[in-house]
């Protein structure tokens, strides 16, 4: 590394025309510049320039050596410019991972960004299982729930609530549950893995001493049908196979289309605060523009998405 620095100093001396001018340009003292040149000559066993009180004259070998040093300095400047451009102008490939359920939101969220920046490419990896972000070289991942401690950086984008839903045909046949007992006795499609082991947490609003309070209960639920894929559970729910606990953002369209009905909307289910949605990125310092702008577009999209909640 010392040789590279000395080569850069030598190129600056030639460019500026004197050691004192080069020293000012590089924030060094003239004696330090002179010392760098002497060490460069000593290491190479050659004389690179003749020095007089009025001018510096390159030797033949000094001229040839300077041409290579100047190219090195130009390459370094181009490399710095490329990094700076990456911070300011998005380009290259953005490698992103998301769950199956969130994948349908990627196009409306990032479509405007891709349209505005034609140099930007998107590689989307979709999997409900958590992808190893390091080995897959992921720039940006959408994750849900409580995150483990890691060197990655997470930005909260909002949260979903858990809504129990059923198809109109199932409700017509079995009736809508209106009590904890009826809810527990219903035919369930698998609970989310984060809730299954501890039972279904239910909070029911009531009045006590003139105050509104939430009565908390835990229902042990044994699903009749289980799956590790929320999209598959939602499809089976729409087919009338039972009740499923689904993410509020995921079921907006089926509810509006009349394919699903939200059960007991005044009650709260799952952990307090719902299911957080995170944008997870690998760097703590300044993010590349493609990552920074993608996170901003996702945050803007979810800020206006129905059934996404933003209280902490």
Protein backbone atom coordinates (compact mmCIF):
# COMPACT_ATOMS: atom_id res chain seq x y z
CA UNK A 1 0.00 0.00 0.00
CA UNK A 2 2.92 2.34 0.66
CA UNK A 3 4.07 1.90 -2.94
CA UNK A 4 0.64 2.90 -4.23
CA UNK A 5 0.67 6.02 -2.07
CA UNK A 6 4.16 6.94 -3.30
CA UNK A 7 3.09 6.41 -6.89
CA UNK A 8 0.10 8.72 -6.31
CA UNK A 9 2.42 11.33 -4.76
CA UNK A 10 4.79 11.07 -7.74
CA UNK A 11 1.88 11.53 -10.18
CA UNK A 12 0.71 14.58 -8.21
CA UNK A 13 4.21 16.16 -8.31
CA UNK A 14 4.31 15.82 -12.10
CA UNK A 15 0.73 17.03 -12.47
CA UNK A 16 1.18 20.07 -10.21
CA UNK A 17 4.67 20.94 -11.49
CA UNK A 18 6.39 21.15 -8.11
CA UNK A 19 6.67 19.37 -4.80
CA UNK A 20 5.24 22.32 -2.87
CA UNK A 21 2.19 22.48 -5.15
CA UNK A 22 1.72 18.73 -4.87
CA UNK A 23 2.01 19.00 -1.09
CA UNK A 24 -0.79 21.59 -1.00
CA UNK A 25 -2.98 19.48 -3.28
CA UNK A 26 -2.53 16.36 -1.15
CA UNK A 27 -2.58 17.99 2.28
CA UNK A 28 1.04 17.06 3.01
CA UNK A 29 4.20 18.99 3.83
CA UNK A 30 6.80 19.55 1.07
CA UNK A 31 9.36 17.55 3.07
CA UNK A 32 6.97 14.61 3.31
CA UNK A 33 6.41 14.71 -0.45
CA UNK A 34 10.16 14.84 -1.08
CA UNK A 35 10.67 11.89 1.25
CA UNK A 36 8.03 9.82 -0.59
CA UNK A 37 9.79 10.46 -3.92
CA UNK A 38 13.22 9.54 -2.49
CA UNK A 39 11.85 6.29 -1.08
CA UNK A 40 10.26 5.48 -4.43
CA UNK A 41 13.56 6.05 -6.22
CA UNK A 42 15.51 4.09 -3.59
CA UNK A 43 13.15 1.12 -3.85
CA UNK A 44 13.41 1.08 -7.65
CA UNK A 45 17.10 1.84 -7.81
CA UNK A 46 16.53 4.58 -10.40
CA UNK A 47 16.34 8.37 -10.66
CA UNK A 48 12.86 9.51 -11.64
CA UNK A 49 13.44 13.26 -11.84
CA UNK A 50 16.13 15.88 -11.75
CA UNK A 51 15.45 18.63 -9.22
CA UNK A 52 16.65 22.22 -9.41
CA UNK A 53 15.49 25.27 -7.51
CA UNK A 54 13.38 26.32 -10.49
CA UNK A 55 12.01 23.15 -12.07
CA UNK A 56 11.61 19.40 -12.05
CA UNK A 57 12.62 17.40 -15.11
CA UNK A 58 11.64 13.78 -15.59
CA UNK A 59 14.22 11.24 -16.66
CA UNK A 60 13.40 8.79 -19.43
CA UNK A 61 12.47 6.10 -16.95
CA UNK A 62 10.60 8.72 -14.93
CA UNK A 63 8.45 9.59 -17.95
CA UNK A 64 7.56 5.94 -18.59
CA UNK A 65 6.92 5.33 -14.90
CA UNK A 66 4.76 8.46 -14.65
CA UNK A 67 2.52 7.28 -17.48
CA UNK A 68 1.70 4.12 -15.50
CA UNK A 69 1.28 6.04 -12.24
CA UNK A 70 -1.10 8.48 -13.93
CA UNK A 71 -3.17 5.56 -15.25
CA UNK A 72 -3.29 4.09 -11.75
CA UNK A 73 -4.49 7.38 -10.26
CA UNK A 74 -7.13 7.71 -13.00
CA UNK A 75 -8.35 4.16 -12.37
CA UNK A 76 -8.64 4.89 -8.65
CA UNK A 77 -10.61 8.06 -9.40
CA UNK A 78 -12.92 6.12 -11.71
CA UNK A 79 -13.44 3.48 -9.03
CA UNK A 80 -14.36 6.16 -6.49
CA UNK A 81 -16.72 7.76 -9.00
CA UNK A 82 -18.37 4.38 -9.58
CA UNK A 83 -18.97 3.97 -5.85
CA UNK A 84 -20.35 7.48 -5.59
CA UNK A 85 -22.62 6.88 -8.56
CA UNK A 86 -23.87 3.70 -6.87
CA UNK A 87 -24.82 5.74 -3.82
CA UNK A 88 -26.65 8.35 -5.89
CA UNK A 89 -28.02 6.58 -8.98
CA UNK A 90 -29.53 3.08 -8.69
CA UNK A 91 -28.21 0.54 -11.16
CA UNK A 92 -27.16 -3.08 -11.43
CA UNK A 93 -29.01 -5.99 -9.85
CA UNK A 94 -31.12 -5.66 -6.71
CA UNK A 95 -31.35 -9.10 -5.10
CA UNK A 96 -34.47 -9.24 -2.94
CA UNK A 97 -36.19 -12.01 -1.01
CA UNK A 98 -39.77 -12.14 0.25
CA UNK A 99 -42.42 -14.57 1.40
CA UNK A 100 -44.93 -15.98 -1.06
CA UNK A 101 -47.68 -13.81 0.41
CA UNK A 102 -45.72 -10.58 0.10
CA UNK A 103 -44.45 -11.25 -3.43
CA UNK A 104 -47.61 -9.87 -5.02
CA UNK A 105 -46.91 -6.50 -3.39
CA UNK A 106 -43.44 -6.17 -4.94
CA UNK A 107 -44.69 -5.07 -8.37
CA UNK A 108 -46.92 -2.19 -7.19
CA UNK A 109 -44.32 -1.14 -4.59
CA UNK A 110 -41.19 -1.20 -6.76
CA UNK A 111 -42.72 -0.79 -10.22
CA UNK A 112 -42.33 3.02 -10.19
CA UNK A 113 -38.68 2.69 -9.12
CA UNK A 114 -37.88 0.23 -11.91
CA UNK A 115 -39.69 2.39 -14.47
CA UNK A 116 -37.76 5.48 -13.42
CA UNK A 117 -34.33 3.80 -13.46
CA UNK A 118 -33.84 1.55 -16.50
CA UNK A 119 -30.31 0.55 -15.38
CA UNK A 120 -31.78 -1.18 -12.33
CA UNK A 121 -32.59 -4.91 -12.49
CA UNK A 122 -34.57 -6.91 -9.92
CA UNK A 123 -33.91 -10.50 -8.91
CA UNK A 124 -36.72 -11.66 -6.58
CA UNK A 125 -36.34 -14.85 -4.54
CA UNK A 126 -39.69 -16.03 -3.14
CA UNK A 127 -39.80 -18.55 -0.30
CA UNK A 128 -41.75 -18.83 2.95
CA UNK A 129 -38.69 -20.48 4.51
CA UNK A 130 -36.06 -17.95 5.59
CA UNK A 131 -33.33 -17.69 2.96
CA UNK A 132 -29.75 -17.36 4.21
CA UNK A 133 -29.13 -13.77 3.24
CA UNK A 134 -25.34 -13.98 3.16
CA UNK A 135 -24.96 -17.08 0.99
CA UNK A 136 -27.75 -15.91 -1.35
CA UNK A 137 -26.15 -12.42 -1.58
CA UNK A 138 -29.44 -10.74 -0.72
CA UNK A 139 -29.48 -6.92 -0.77
CA UNK A 140 -32.95 -6.55 0.76
CA UNK A 141 -35.27 -9.01 2.48
CA UNK A 142 -38.84 -8.73 3.73
CA UNK A 143 -39.17 -10.44 7.08
CA UNK A 144 -42.01 -10.80 9.59
CA UNK A 145 -42.24 -11.09 13.36
CA UNK A 146 -39.55 -10.74 15.99
CA UNK A 147 -36.08 -10.71 14.45
CA UNK A 148 -33.05 -12.42 15.99
CA UNK A 149 -30.02 -10.29 16.78
CA UNK A 150 -27.69 -10.09 13.79
CA UNK A 151 -25.31 -7.80 11.98
CA UNK A 152 -28.09 -6.96 9.52
CA UNK A 153 -30.11 -3.74 9.75
CA UNK A 154 -33.90 -3.82 10.04
CA UNK A 155 -36.39 -1.03 9.35
CA UNK A 156 -39.97 -1.52 10.50
CA UNK A 157 -42.41 -0.91 7.64
CA UNK A 158 -45.63 -1.54 9.56
CA UNK A 159 -47.50 -4.52 10.96
CA UNK A 160 -50.32 -6.86 10.04
CA UNK A 161 -53.01 -8.03 12.42
CA UNK A 162 -54.16 -11.64 12.58
CA UNK A 163 -57.75 -11.99 11.40
CA UNK A 164 -59.71 -15.26 11.64
CA UNK A 165 -61.57 -15.75 8.37
CA UNK A 166 -63.88 -18.27 6.76
CA UNK A 167 -65.62 -18.67 3.43
CA UNK A 168 -69.30 -17.69 3.17
CA UNK A 169 -70.20 -21.31 2.34
CA UNK A 170 -68.52 -22.57 5.54
CA UNK A 171 -70.34 -19.96 7.62
CA UNK A 172 -73.65 -20.83 5.97
CA UNK A 173 -73.15 -24.47 6.90
CA UNK A 174 -71.62 -24.15 10.37
CA UNK A 175 -72.61 -20.69 11.52
CA UNK A 176 -70.30 -17.90 12.67
CA UNK A 177 -68.57 -18.59 16.01
CA UNK A 178 -69.73 -16.09 18.62
CA UNK A 179 -67.98 -17.37 21.76
CA UNK A 180 -64.65 -18.76 22.87
CA UNK A 181 -66.13 -22.24 23.08
CA UNK A 182 -67.54 -22.11 19.56
CA UNK A 183 -64.28 -20.68 18.25
CA UNK A 184 -62.22 -23.46 19.83
CA UNK A 185 -64.59 -26.16 18.58
CA UNK A 186 -64.51 -24.95 14.98
CA UNK A 187 -62.62 -26.72 12.21
CA UNK A 188 -59.30 -24.86 11.99
CA UNK A 189 -56.75 -24.60 9.24
CA UNK A 190 -53.18 -24.42 10.63
CA UNK A 191 -52.14 -21.60 12.90
CA UNK A 192 -49.00 -19.60 12.10
CA UNK A 193 -45.97 -21.42 13.53
CA UNK A 194 -45.20 -18.48 15.82
CA UNK A 195 -48.59 -18.97 17.55
CA UNK A 196 -49.24 -22.69 17.33
CA UNK A 197 -47.08 -23.89 20.25
CA UNK A 198 -48.42 -21.38 22.76
CA UNK A 199 -52.05 -21.46 21.71
CA UNK A 200 -54.19 -18.77 20.16
CA UNK A 201 -54.13 -15.54 22.15
CA UNK A 202 -57.51 -13.80 22.17
CA UNK A 203 -58.32 -10.38 23.64
CA UNK A 204 -62.01 -9.50 24.08
CA UNK A 205 -63.05 -5.91 24.84
CA UNK A 206 -65.37 -5.41 27.80
CA UNK A 207 -66.41 -2.74 30.29
CA UNK A 208 -65.25 -2.94 33.90
CA UNK A 209 -65.88 -0.24 36.50
CA UNK A 210 -66.86 2.10 33.71
CA UNK A 211 -63.57 1.50 31.87
CA UNK A 212 -62.91 -0.30 28.62
CA UNK A 213 -60.57 -3.24 29.19
CA UNK A 214 -59.35 -6.28 27.26
CA UNK A 215 -59.96 -9.72 28.74
CA UNK A 216 -57.13 -12.00 27.64
CA UNK A 217 -57.54 -15.72 26.92
CA UNK A 218 -55.43 -18.47 25.37
CA UNK A 219 -57.17 -21.14 23.30
CA UNK A 220 -55.36 -24.42 22.61
CA UNK A 221 -56.13 -25.02 18.95
CA UNK A 222 -55.44 -28.31 17.14
CA UNK A 223 -55.73 -27.59 13.40
CA UNK A 224 -57.44 -30.16 11.23
CA UNK A 225 -55.32 -29.09 8.26
CA UNK A 226 -51.81 -27.67 8.62
CA UNK A 227 -49.40 -26.02 6.19
CA UNK A 228 -46.26 -23.92 6.43
CA UNK A 229 -47.54 -21.77 3.55
CA UNK A 230 -50.01 -19.00 4.36
CA UNK A 231 -51.10 -18.67 0.72
CA UNK A 232 -52.07 -22.36 0.66
CA UNK A 233 -54.04 -21.94 3.89
CA UNK A 234 -55.87 -18.96 2.44
CA UNK A 235 -56.79 -20.93 -0.68
CA UNK A 236 -58.15 -23.79 1.44
CA UNK A 237 -60.03 -21.29 3.56
CA UNK A 238 -61.62 -19.78 0.44
CA UNK A 239 -62.56 -23.30 -0.63
CA UNK A 240 -64.66 -23.63 2.54
CA UNK A 241 -62.51 -26.11 4.47
CA UNK A 242 -62.55 -24.22 7.77
CA UNK A 243 -61.34 -21.15 9.67
CA UNK A 244 -57.83 -19.76 9.09
CA UNK A 245 -55.92 -17.08 10.96
CA UNK A 246 -54.63 -14.89 8.16
CA UNK A 247 -52.67 -11.65 7.85
CA UNK A 248 -54.88 -8.58 7.51
CA UNK A 249 -52.98 -7.26 4.49
CA UNK A 250 -53.20 -10.62 2.72
CA UNK A 251 -56.98 -11.01 3.05
CA UNK A 252 -58.10 -7.53 1.99
CA UNK A 253 -58.83 -8.52 -1.60
CA UNK A 254 -60.62 -11.83 -0.81
CA UNK A 255 -62.78 -10.04 1.78
CA UNK A 256 -63.67 -7.22 -0.62
CA UNK A 257 -64.42 -9.79 -3.33
CA UNK A 258 -66.75 -11.67 -0.99
CA UNK A 259 -64.64 -14.83 -0.99
CA UNK A 260 -63.82 -14.55 2.73
CA UNK A 261 -65.52 -13.10 5.79
CA UNK A 262 -63.69 -11.76 8.81
CA UNK A 263 -64.93 -13.43 12.01
CA UNK A 264 -65.32 -11.57 15.33
CA UNK A 265 -63.80 -8.29 14.10
CA UNK A 266 -64.10 -6.64 17.53
CA UNK A 267 -61.71 -9.21 19.05
CA UNK A 268 -57.92 -9.15 18.78
CA UNK A 269 -55.87 -12.25 17.98
CA UNK A 270 -52.23 -13.21 18.26
CA UNK A 271 -49.53 -11.20 19.95
CA UNK A 272 -50.26 -7.58 20.93
CA UNK A 273 -49.09 -5.23 18.22
CA UNK A 274 -49.67 -7.75 15.48
CA UNK A 275 -47.03 -9.15 13.14
CA UNK A 276 -44.28 -6.60 12.36
CA UNK A 277 -43.11 -6.24 8.76
CA UNK A 278 -39.39 -5.48 8.34
CA UNK A 279 -37.07 -4.47 5.53
CA UNK A 280 -33.75 -6.14 6.35
CA UNK A 281 -30.53 -4.90 4.72
CA UNK A 282 -26.86 -5.84 5.17
CA UNK A 283 -25.13 -2.50 5.69
CA UNK A 284 -25.15 -0.10 8.64
CA UNK A 285 -23.52 2.82 6.82
CA UNK A 286 -24.71 4.53 3.67
CA UNK A 287 -26.75 2.13 1.61
CA UNK A 288 -26.32 1.78 -2.17
CA UNK A 289 -28.96 3.82 -3.97
CA UNK A 290 -30.75 0.71 -5.27
CA UNK A 291 -31.28 -0.54 -1.69
CA UNK A 292 -32.04 2.83 -0.11
CA UNK A 293 -34.63 3.77 -2.74
CA UNK A 294 -36.22 0.31 -2.72
CA UNK A 295 -36.75 0.53 1.05
CA UNK A 296 -38.22 4.03 0.65
CA UNK A 297 -40.64 2.81 -2.03
CA UNK A 298 -41.69 -0.16 0.08
CA UNK A 299 -42.26 2.08 3.10
CA UNK A 300 -44.34 4.51 1.02
CA UNK A 301 -46.40 1.68 -0.45
CA UNK A 302 -47.13 0.08 2.93
CA UNK A 303 -47.90 3.46 4.50
CA UNK A 304 -50.93 3.62 2.19
CA UNK A 305 -51.78 -0.09 2.02
CA UNK A 306 -55.10 -1.11 3.61
CA UNK A 307 -54.96 -3.24 6.77
CA UNK A 308 -51.32 -2.34 7.49
CA UNK A 309 -50.92 -0.75 10.90
CA UNK A 310 -48.18 1.66 11.94
CA UNK A 311 -48.43 2.12 15.69
CA UNK A 312 -45.42 0.64 17.50
